[in-house]
Amino acid sequence: MHELSIVTYVIEQVEEIAKENQLTDIESVTLEFGEVSGIEPEYLVDCWNWYAKKTPLIEHTKFLYETIPAVTWCNACKSTYPTLQYGKTCPHCGSGETWLQQGNEMNIKQIVAC
């Protein structure tokens, strides 16, 4: 379960940012991740809830997440298409000369402090 290591990393980053900016109350943290990143949202929320109880700064912080759609680029016809629907084969020209343009990333999108 890599969700726990992701949550650990995110909370450590939030704590560091809070310390640098002298923040004492974090209202919410929003994470964004790609739909083909392998992250299971339910596990991520469970891990956040478990780990947050052990971290005073984060204990009452609302955890939010957004999914970034997976988009693939076709080098042959220079177009994009939804990855989950069509996979590695371009629906426009049938080429397999494609690569994932977005949808595998993970970012801390927003931290809201009071």
N, C-alpha and C. Protein backbone atom coordinates (compact mmCIF):
# COMPACT_ATOMS: atom_id res chain seq x y z
N MET A 1 0.85 -1.17 0.00
CA MET A 1 0.00 0.00 0.00
C MET A 1 0.90 1.24 0.00
N HIS A 2 1.08 1.84 -1.16
CA HIS A 2 1.92 3.03 -1.24
C HIS A 2 1.18 4.29 -0.83
N GLU A 3 -0.10 4.19 -0.57
CA GLU A 3 -0.87 5.35 -0.13
C GLU A 3 -0.36 5.90 1.20
N LEU A 4 0.08 4.99 2.10
CA LEU A 4 0.59 5.45 3.38
C LEU A 4 1.88 6.24 3.20
N SER A 5 2.76 5.79 2.31
CA SER A 5 3.99 6.55 2.08
C SER A 5 3.69 7.89 1.42
N ILE A 6 2.67 7.95 0.57
CA ILE A 6 2.26 9.22 -0.04
C ILE A 6 1.75 10.17 1.05
N VAL A 7 0.87 9.68 1.90
CA VAL A 7 0.33 10.51 2.98
C VAL A 7 1.44 10.98 3.92
N THR A 8 2.36 10.10 4.24
CA THR A 8 3.49 10.47 5.09
C THR A 8 4.28 11.61 4.47
N TYR A 9 4.58 11.48 3.19
CA TYR A 9 5.31 12.52 2.46
C TYR A 9 4.54 13.83 2.47
N VAL A 10 3.26 13.78 2.14
CA VAL A 10 2.44 15.00 2.06
C VAL A 10 2.37 15.69 3.42
N ILE A 11 2.12 14.94 4.47
CA ILE A 11 2.03 15.55 5.80
C ILE A 11 3.37 16.15 6.22
N GLU A 12 4.46 15.48 5.92
CA GLU A 12 5.78 16.04 6.23
C GLU A 12 6.01 17.34 5.47
N GLN A 13 5.60 17.38 4.22
CA GLN A 13 5.74 18.61 3.42
C GLN A 13 4.87 19.74 3.99
N VAL A 14 3.65 19.41 4.37
CA VAL A 14 2.75 20.41 4.95
C VAL A 14 3.32 20.94 6.26
N GLU A 15 3.86 20.06 7.08
CA GLU A 15 4.47 20.49 8.33
C GLU A 15 5.65 21.43 8.08
N GLU A 16 6.45 21.12 7.09
CA GLU A 16 7.60 21.95 6.75
C GLU A 16 7.14 23.33 6.25
N ILE A 17 6.15 23.34 5.38
CA ILE A 17 5.61 24.60 4.86
C ILE A 17 5.00 25.42 6.00
N ALA A 18 4.29 24.75 6.89
CA ALA A 18 3.69 25.45 8.04
C ALA A 18 4.76 26.08 8.91
N LYS A 19 5.83 25.34 9.14
CA LYS A 19 6.92 25.85 9.98
C LYS A 19 7.58 27.06 9.31
N GLU A 20 7.85 26.96 8.01
CA GLU A 20 8.49 28.05 7.27
C GLU A 20 7.64 29.32 7.28
N ASN A 21 6.33 29.14 7.29
CA ASN A 21 5.41 30.27 7.21
C ASN A 21 4.74 30.60 8.55
N GLN A 22 5.21 29.98 9.62
CA GLN A 22 4.71 30.19 10.96
C GLN A 22 3.19 29.99 11.06
N LEU A 23 2.71 28.92 10.44
CA LEU A 23 1.29 28.57 10.47
C LEU A 23 1.04 27.62 11.62
N THR A 24 -0.05 27.85 12.33
CA THR A 24 -0.37 26.98 13.47
C THR A 24 -1.68 26.23 13.30
N ASP A 25 -2.44 26.59 12.28
CA ASP A 25 -3.73 25.92 12.06
C ASP A 25 -3.95 25.73 10.56
N ILE A 26 -3.96 24.48 10.13
CA ILE A 26 -4.18 24.14 8.72
C ILE A 26 -5.63 23.69 8.57
N GLU A 27 -6.39 24.42 7.79
CA GLU A 27 -7.81 24.11 7.60
C GLU A 27 -8.02 22.94 6.65
N SER A 28 -7.31 22.97 5.51
CA SER A 28 -7.47 21.88 4.54
C SER A 28 -6.22 21.70 3.69
N VAL A 29 -6.08 20.50 3.17
CA VAL A 29 -5.01 20.16 2.23
C VAL A 29 -5.68 19.47 1.05
N THR A 30 -5.37 19.96 -0.17
CA THR A 30 -5.91 19.35 -1.38
C THR A 30 -4.77 18.72 -2.16
N LEU A 31 -4.95 17.46 -2.46
CA LEU A 31 -3.99 16.70 -3.24
C LEU A 31 -4.62 16.42 -4.60
N GLU A 32 -3.83 16.50 -5.65
CA GLU A 32 -4.32 16.11 -6.97
C GLU A 32 -3.43 14.99 -7.49
N PHE A 33 -4.07 14.00 -8.12
CA PHE A 33 -3.30 12.89 -8.66
C PHE A 33 -3.98 12.35 -9.91
N GLY A 34 -3.16 11.76 -10.76
CA GLY A 34 -3.64 11.24 -12.03
C GLY A 34 -4.46 9.98 -11.90
N GLU A 35 -5.39 9.82 -12.82
CA GLU A 35 -6.29 8.66 -12.76
C GLU A 35 -5.58 7.35 -13.09
N VAL A 36 -4.36 7.40 -13.65
CA VAL A 36 -3.60 6.18 -13.88
C VAL A 36 -2.34 6.13 -13.00
N SER A 37 -2.37 6.87 -11.90
CA SER A 37 -1.23 6.91 -10.98
C SER A 37 -1.16 5.67 -10.09
N GLY A 38 -2.22 4.93 -10.03
CA GLY A 38 -2.26 3.75 -9.17
C GLY A 38 -2.69 4.08 -7.75
N ILE A 39 -3.02 5.31 -7.48
CA ILE A 39 -3.46 5.72 -6.15
C ILE A 39 -4.94 5.37 -5.99
N GLU A 40 -5.25 4.68 -4.91
CA GLU A 40 -6.63 4.33 -4.59
C GLU A 40 -7.18 5.38 -3.62
N PRO A 41 -8.13 6.19 -4.07
CA PRO A 41 -8.63 7.28 -3.22
C PRO A 41 -9.12 6.83 -1.85
N GLU A 42 -9.83 5.71 -1.78
CA GLU A 42 -10.35 5.25 -0.49
C GLU A 42 -9.21 4.93 0.48
N TYR A 43 -8.16 4.28 -0.03
CA TYR A 43 -7.01 3.96 0.82
C TYR A 43 -6.29 5.23 1.25
N LEU A 44 -6.20 6.18 0.33
CA LEU A 44 -5.54 7.45 0.63
C LEU A 44 -6.26 8.17 1.77
N VAL A 45 -7.57 8.23 1.71
CA VAL A 45 -8.36 8.87 2.76
C VAL A 45 -8.19 8.13 4.08
N ASP A 46 -8.24 6.81 4.05
CA ASP A 46 -8.05 6.03 5.28
C ASP A 46 -6.68 6.29 5.90
N CYS A 47 -5.66 6.31 5.05
CA CYS A 47 -4.30 6.56 5.54
C CYS A 47 -4.18 7.97 6.11
N TRP A 48 -4.79 8.94 5.43
CA TRP A 48 -4.77 10.32 5.93
C TRP A 48 -5.42 10.37 7.32
N ASN A 49 -6.59 9.79 7.46
CA ASN A 49 -7.30 9.83 8.73
C ASN A 49 -6.50 9.18 9.85
N TRP A 50 -5.84 8.08 9.54
CA TRP A 50 -5.03 7.37 10.54
C TRP A 50 -3.81 8.20 10.93
N TYR A 51 -3.09 8.69 9.93
CA TYR A 51 -1.85 9.42 10.19
C TYR A 51 -2.12 10.80 10.82
N ALA A 52 -3.18 11.46 10.42
CA ALA A 52 -3.50 12.79 10.94
C ALA A 52 -3.73 12.77 12.44
N LYS A 53 -4.27 11.67 12.96
CA LYS A 53 -4.50 11.55 14.40
C LYS A 53 -3.20 11.60 15.19
N LYS A 54 -2.10 11.28 14.54
CA LYS A 54 -0.79 11.23 15.19
C LYS A 54 -0.01 12.54 15.01
N THR A 55 -0.61 13.49 14.32
CA THR A 55 0.09 14.73 13.98
C THR A 55 -0.74 15.93 14.44
N PRO A 56 -0.36 16.56 15.56
CA PRO A 56 -1.18 17.64 16.12
C PRO A 56 -1.55 18.74 15.12
N LEU A 57 -0.62 19.18 14.29
CA LEU A 57 -0.90 20.25 13.34
C LEU A 57 -1.97 19.85 12.33
N ILE A 58 -2.03 18.58 11.98
CA ILE A 58 -2.90 18.08 10.92
C ILE A 58 -4.16 17.41 11.47
N GLU A 59 -4.22 17.18 12.74
CA GLU A 59 -5.27 16.38 13.35
C GLU A 59 -6.69 16.75 12.92
N HIS A 60 -6.98 18.03 12.77
CA HIS A 60 -8.34 18.45 12.43
C HIS A 60 -8.43 19.02 11.00
N THR A 61 -7.42 18.76 10.22
CA THR A 61 -7.35 19.27 8.85
C THR A 61 -8.24 18.45 7.92
N LYS A 62 -8.99 19.14 7.09
CA LYS A 62 -9.83 18.47 6.10
C LYS A 62 -8.95 18.06 4.92
N PHE A 63 -9.09 16.81 4.51
CA PHE A 63 -8.32 16.29 3.39
C PHE A 63 -9.22 16.22 2.16
N LEU A 64 -8.77 16.85 1.08
CA LEU A 64 -9.51 16.86 -0.18
C LEU A 64 -8.61 16.32 -1.28
N TYR A 65 -9.23 15.78 -2.32
CA TYR A 65 -8.42 15.33 -3.46
C TYR A 65 -9.18 15.55 -4.76
N GLU A 66 -8.41 15.69 -5.82
CA GLU A 66 -8.95 15.84 -7.17
C GLU A 66 -8.20 14.89 -8.09
N THR A 67 -8.93 14.36 -9.05
CA THR A 67 -8.33 13.43 -10.00
C THR A 67 -8.02 14.16 -11.30
N ILE A 68 -6.80 13.98 -11.79
CA ILE A 68 -6.37 14.56 -13.06
C ILE A 68 -6.63 13.51 -14.14
N PRO A 69 -7.39 13.84 -15.17
CA PRO A 69 -7.69 12.85 -16.21
C PRO A 69 -6.43 12.44 -16.98
N ALA A 70 -6.38 11.18 -17.34
CA ALA A 70 -5.25 10.68 -18.14
C ALA A 70 -5.48 11.04 -19.60
N VAL A 71 -4.46 11.67 -20.19
CA VAL A 71 -4.52 12.09 -21.59
C VAL A 71 -3.27 11.58 -22.29
N THR A 72 -3.45 10.98 -23.46
CA THR A 72 -2.33 10.46 -24.24
C THR A 72 -2.14 11.30 -25.50
N TRP A 73 -0.87 11.49 -25.86
CA TRP A 73 -0.48 12.24 -27.05
C TRP A 73 -0.05 11.26 -28.14
N CYS A 74 -0.51 11.49 -29.36
CA CYS A 74 -0.10 10.67 -30.50
C CYS A 74 0.92 11.45 -31.33
N ASN A 75 2.10 10.89 -31.46
CA ASN A 75 3.15 11.53 -32.26
C ASN A 75 2.82 11.49 -33.75
N ALA A 76 2.09 10.48 -34.17
CA ALA A 76 1.79 10.32 -35.59
C ALA A 76 0.85 11.40 -36.12
N CYS A 77 -0.26 11.63 -35.44
CA CYS A 77 -1.24 12.60 -35.95
C CYS A 77 -1.31 13.88 -35.12
N LYS A 78 -0.43 13.98 -34.12
CA LYS A 78 -0.32 15.19 -33.29
C LYS A 78 -1.64 15.58 -32.60
N SER A 79 -2.30 14.57 -32.04
CA SER A 79 -3.54 14.84 -31.33
C SER A 79 -3.52 14.14 -29.97
N THR A 80 -4.46 14.53 -29.12
CA THR A 80 -4.60 13.89 -27.81
C THR A 80 -5.92 13.14 -27.74
N TYR A 81 -5.98 12.23 -26.79
CA TYR A 81 -7.21 11.47 -26.58
C TYR A 81 -7.24 10.94 -25.14
N PRO A 82 -8.44 10.57 -24.65
CA PRO A 82 -8.55 10.04 -23.28
C PRO A 82 -7.93 8.63 -23.19
N THR A 83 -6.96 8.52 -22.32
CA THR A 83 -6.17 7.28 -22.19
C THR A 83 -7.01 6.08 -21.76
N LEU A 84 -7.84 6.26 -20.75
CA LEU A 84 -8.59 5.11 -20.23
C LEU A 84 -9.53 4.52 -21.28
N GLN A 85 -10.07 5.36 -22.11
CA GLN A 85 -11.02 4.89 -23.11
C GLN A 85 -10.34 4.15 -24.26
N TYR A 86 -9.14 4.59 -24.65
CA TYR A 86 -8.52 4.04 -25.85
C TYR A 86 -7.18 3.35 -25.64
N GLY A 87 -6.57 3.48 -24.49
CA GLY A 87 -5.30 2.81 -24.23
C GLY A 87 -4.16 3.42 -25.02
N LYS A 88 -3.27 2.56 -25.52
CA LYS A 88 -2.07 3.03 -26.22
C LYS A 88 -2.26 3.24 -27.71
N THR A 89 -3.39 2.84 -28.24
CA THR A 89 -3.63 2.98 -29.67
C THR A 89 -4.49 4.21 -29.94
N CYS A 90 -3.97 5.09 -30.78
CA CYS A 90 -4.67 6.35 -31.08
C CYS A 90 -5.99 6.07 -31.80
N PRO A 91 -7.09 6.61 -31.30
CA PRO A 91 -8.39 6.40 -31.94
C PRO A 91 -8.55 7.22 -33.23
N HIS A 92 -7.69 8.20 -33.42
CA HIS A 92 -7.79 9.07 -34.60
C HIS A 92 -7.11 8.47 -35.82
N CYS A 93 -5.93 7.84 -35.59
CA CYS A 93 -5.17 7.34 -36.73
C CYS A 93 -4.72 5.89 -36.60
N GLY A 94 -4.95 5.28 -35.43
CA GLY A 94 -4.59 3.88 -35.23
C GLY A 94 -3.13 3.64 -34.88
N SER A 95 -2.36 4.69 -34.71
CA SER A 95 -0.94 4.56 -34.40
C SER A 95 -0.72 4.11 -32.96
N GLY A 96 0.37 3.42 -32.73
CA GLY A 96 0.79 3.05 -31.39
C GLY A 96 1.94 3.92 -30.93
N GLU A 97 2.28 4.92 -31.73
CA GLU A 97 3.36 5.85 -31.40
C GLU A 97 2.81 6.94 -30.49
N THR A 98 2.51 6.55 -29.26
CA THR A 98 1.84 7.43 -28.31
C THR A 98 2.57 7.44 -26.98
N TRP A 99 2.31 8.47 -26.18
CA TRP A 99 2.85 8.54 -24.84
C TRP A 99 1.89 9.28 -23.92
N LEU A 100 1.95 8.92 -22.66
CA LEU A 100 1.07 9.51 -21.65
C LEU A 100 1.50 10.95 -21.39
N GLN A 101 0.60 11.88 -21.67
CA GLN A 101 0.88 13.30 -21.50
C GLN A 101 0.59 13.77 -20.08
N GLN A 102 -0.49 13.28 -19.50
CA GLN A 102 -0.84 13.61 -18.12
C GLN A 102 -1.70 12.49 -17.56
N GLY A 103 -1.71 12.42 -16.22
CA GLY A 103 -2.57 11.45 -15.57
C GLY A 103 -1.83 10.49 -14.66
N ASN A 104 -0.49 10.65 -14.56
CA ASN A 104 0.29 9.78 -13.69
C ASN A 104 0.96 10.57 -12.55
N GLU A 105 0.70 11.86 -12.48
CA GLU A 105 1.36 12.72 -11.51
C GLU A 105 0.61 12.80 -10.19
N MET A 106 1.29 13.40 -9.19
CA MET A 106 0.70 13.64 -7.89
C MET A 106 1.29 14.93 -7.36
N ASN A 107 0.43 15.86 -6.92
CA ASN A 107 0.88 17.16 -6.43
C ASN A 107 0.05 17.61 -5.23
N ILE A 108 0.69 18.36 -4.36
CA ILE A 108 -0.07 19.06 -3.34
C ILE A 108 -0.59 20.31 -4.05
N LYS A 109 -1.87 20.37 -4.24
CA LYS A 109 -2.46 21.47 -5.00
C LYS A 109 -2.67 22.71 -4.14
N GLN A 110 -3.15 22.50 -2.91
CA GLN A 110 -3.50 23.67 -2.09
C GLN A 110 -3.42 23.33 -0.61
N ILE A 111 -2.95 24.31 0.14
CA ILE A 111 -2.97 24.25 1.60
C ILE A 111 -3.68 25.50 2.07
N VAL A 112 -4.75 25.32 2.82
CA VAL A 112 -5.50 26.47 3.35
C VAL A 112 -5.24 26.56 4.84
N ALA A 113 -4.73 27.72 5.27
CA ALA A 113 -4.43 27.94 6.67
C ALA A 113 -5.35 29.04 7.22
N CYS A 114 -5.64 28.93 8.50
CA CYS A 114 -6.47 29.96 9.15
C CYS A 114 -5.61 31.03 9.76
